[in-house]
Amino acid sequence: MNNKLSDLEWVKLTKKFVEYYDGGRNQRVGQAYMNALFEVNRKLYDTISGTENDCFYDDNKVINFIRWLND
């Protein structure tokens, strides 16, 4: 597996996701993941934004998002 994020970036992404999601009180899952990625790795955010793997507006694409990051 050739992850697009380093181990440290995955940890940061997870922490940021939790901050944004907060049990669904703050943002939907897809929004939280995309906003977390924006903070952790802007280049990857720009690359995925607007593609079939962008889950910001569609939580059903979260699995695409994660698979893409784990490409």
C-alpha atoms as a PDB file:
ATOM      1  CA  MET A   1       0.000   0.000   0.000  1.00  0.00           C
ATOM      2  CA  ASN A   2       1.279   3.439  -0.919  1.00  0.00           C
ATOM      3  CA  ASN A   3      -0.438   5.927   1.381  1.00  0.00           C
ATOM      4  CA  LYS A   4      -0.634   9.524   0.240  1.00  0.00           C
ATOM      5  CA  LEU A   5      -0.372  10.689   3.863  1.00  0.00           C
ATOM      6  CA  SER A   6       2.539  10.031   6.187  1.00  0.00           C
ATOM      7  CA  ASP A   7       1.896   8.278   9.497  1.00  0.00           C
ATOM      8  CA  LEU A   8       2.099  11.612  11.308  1.00  0.00           C
ATOM      9  CA  GLU A   9      -0.363  13.196   8.864  1.00  0.00           C
ATOM     10  CA  TRP A  10      -2.826  10.339   9.460  1.00  0.00           C
ATOM     11  CA  VAL A  11      -2.659  11.022  13.191  1.00  0.00           C
ATOM     12  CA  LYS A  12      -3.227  14.739  12.590  1.00  0.00           C
ATOM     13  CA  LEU A  13      -6.091  14.011  10.174  1.00  0.00           C
ATOM     14  CA  THR A  14      -7.782  11.790  12.755  1.00  0.00           C
ATOM     15  CA  LYS A  15      -7.444  14.399  15.507  1.00  0.00           C
ATOM     16  CA  LYS A  16      -8.734  17.182  13.275  1.00  0.00           C
ATOM     17  CA  PHE A  17     -11.617  14.990  12.063  1.00  0.00           C
ATOM     18  CA  VAL A  18     -12.709  14.405  15.656  1.00  0.00           C
ATOM     19  CA  GLU A  19     -12.580  18.142  16.367  1.00  0.00           C
ATOM     20  CA  TYR A  20     -14.710  18.978  13.328  1.00  0.00           C
ATOM     21  CA  TYR A  21     -17.159  16.079  13.663  1.00  0.00           C
ATOM     22  CA  ASP A  22     -17.701  16.032  17.441  1.00  0.00           C
ATOM     23  CA  GLY A  23     -20.322  13.298  17.343  1.00  0.00           C
ATOM     24  CA  GLY A  24     -22.148  14.921  14.452  1.00  0.00           C
ATOM     25  CA  ARG A  25     -22.887  18.118  16.357  1.00  0.00           C
ATOM     26  CA  ASN A  26     -20.551  20.281  14.297  1.00  0.00           C
ATOM     27  CA  GLN A  27     -20.267  18.843  10.789  1.00  0.00           C
ATOM     28  CA  ARG A  28     -21.238  15.823   8.753  1.00  0.00           C
ATOM     29  CA  VAL A  29     -18.622  13.089   8.324  1.00  0.00           C
ATOM     30  CA  GLY A  30     -17.636  14.145   4.793  1.00  0.00           C
ATOM     31  CA  GLN A  31     -17.341  17.801   5.730  1.00  0.00           C
ATOM     32  CA  ALA A  32     -15.220  16.936   8.750  1.00  0.00           C
ATOM     33  CA  TYR A  33     -12.842  14.767   6.716  1.00  0.00           C
ATOM     34  CA  MET A  34     -12.396  17.349   3.975  1.00  0.00           C
ATOM     35  CA  ASN A  35     -11.851  20.209   6.415  1.00  0.00           C
ATOM     36  CA  ALA A  36      -9.364  18.092   8.348  1.00  0.00           C
ATOM     37  CA  LEU A  37      -7.479  17.263   5.144  1.00  0.00           C
ATOM     38  CA  PHE A  38      -7.409  20.965   4.245  1.00  0.00           C
ATOM     39  CA  GLU A  39      -5.521  21.643   7.482  1.00  0.00           C
ATOM     40  CA  VAL A  40      -3.232  18.622   7.310  1.00  0.00           C
ATOM     41  CA  ASN A  41      -2.213  18.590   3.646  1.00  0.00           C
ATOM     42  CA  ARG A  42      -3.452  21.411   1.420  1.00  0.00           C
ATOM     43  CA  LYS A  43      -1.885  19.905  -1.705  1.00  0.00           C
ATOM     44  CA  LEU A  44      -3.873  16.668  -1.339  1.00  0.00           C
ATOM     45  CA  TYR A  45      -7.000  18.667  -0.514  1.00  0.00           C
ATOM     46  CA  ASP A  46      -6.611  20.659  -3.726  1.00  0.00           C
ATOM     47  CA  THR A  47      -6.027  17.441  -5.692  1.00  0.00           C
ATOM     48  CA  ILE A  48      -9.127  15.622  -4.390  1.00  0.00           C
ATOM     49  CA  SER A  49     -11.460  18.624  -4.264  1.00  0.00           C
ATOM     50  CA  GLY A  50     -14.174  18.462  -6.914  1.00  0.00           C
ATOM     51  CA  THR A  51     -13.494  14.832  -7.851  1.00  0.00           C
ATOM     52  CA  GLU A  52     -15.576  11.685  -7.317  1.00  0.00           C
ATOM     53  CA  ASN A  53     -13.535  11.201  -4.126  1.00  0.00           C
ATOM     54  CA  ASP A  54     -14.490  14.571  -2.624  1.00  0.00           C
ATOM     55  CA  CYS A  55     -16.847  13.738   0.248  1.00  0.00           C
ATOM     56  CA  PHE A  56     -17.553  17.299   1.459  1.00  0.00           C
ATOM     57  CA  TYR A  57     -21.111  17.394   0.077  1.00  0.00           C
ATOM     58  CA  ASP A  58     -21.806  13.642   0.045  1.00  0.00           C
ATOM     59  CA  ASP A  59     -21.098  11.369   3.018  1.00  0.00           C
ATOM     60  CA  ASN A  60     -21.598   8.371   0.708  1.00  0.00           C
ATOM     61  CA  LYS A  61     -18.235   9.246  -0.846  1.00  0.00           C
ATOM     62  CA  VAL A  62     -16.288   8.917   2.422  1.00  0.00           C
ATOM     63  CA  ILE A  63     -15.159   5.405   1.468  1.00  0.00           C
ATOM     64  CA  ASN A  64     -13.889   6.788  -1.880  1.00  0.00           C
ATOM     65  CA  PHE A  65     -12.029   9.486   0.046  1.00  0.00           C
ATOM     66  CA  ILE A  66     -10.347   6.993   2.368  1.00  0.00           C
ATOM     67  CA  ARG A  67      -9.518   4.556  -0.441  1.00  0.00           C
ATOM     68  CA  TRP A  68      -7.997   7.398  -2.458  1.00  0.00           C
ATOM     69  CA  LEU A  69      -5.806   8.437   0.473  1.00  0.00           C
ATOM     70  CA  ASN A  70      -4.707   4.826   0.900  1.00  0.00           C
ATOM     71  CA  ASP A  71      -4.010   4.330  -2.827  1.00  0.00           C
END
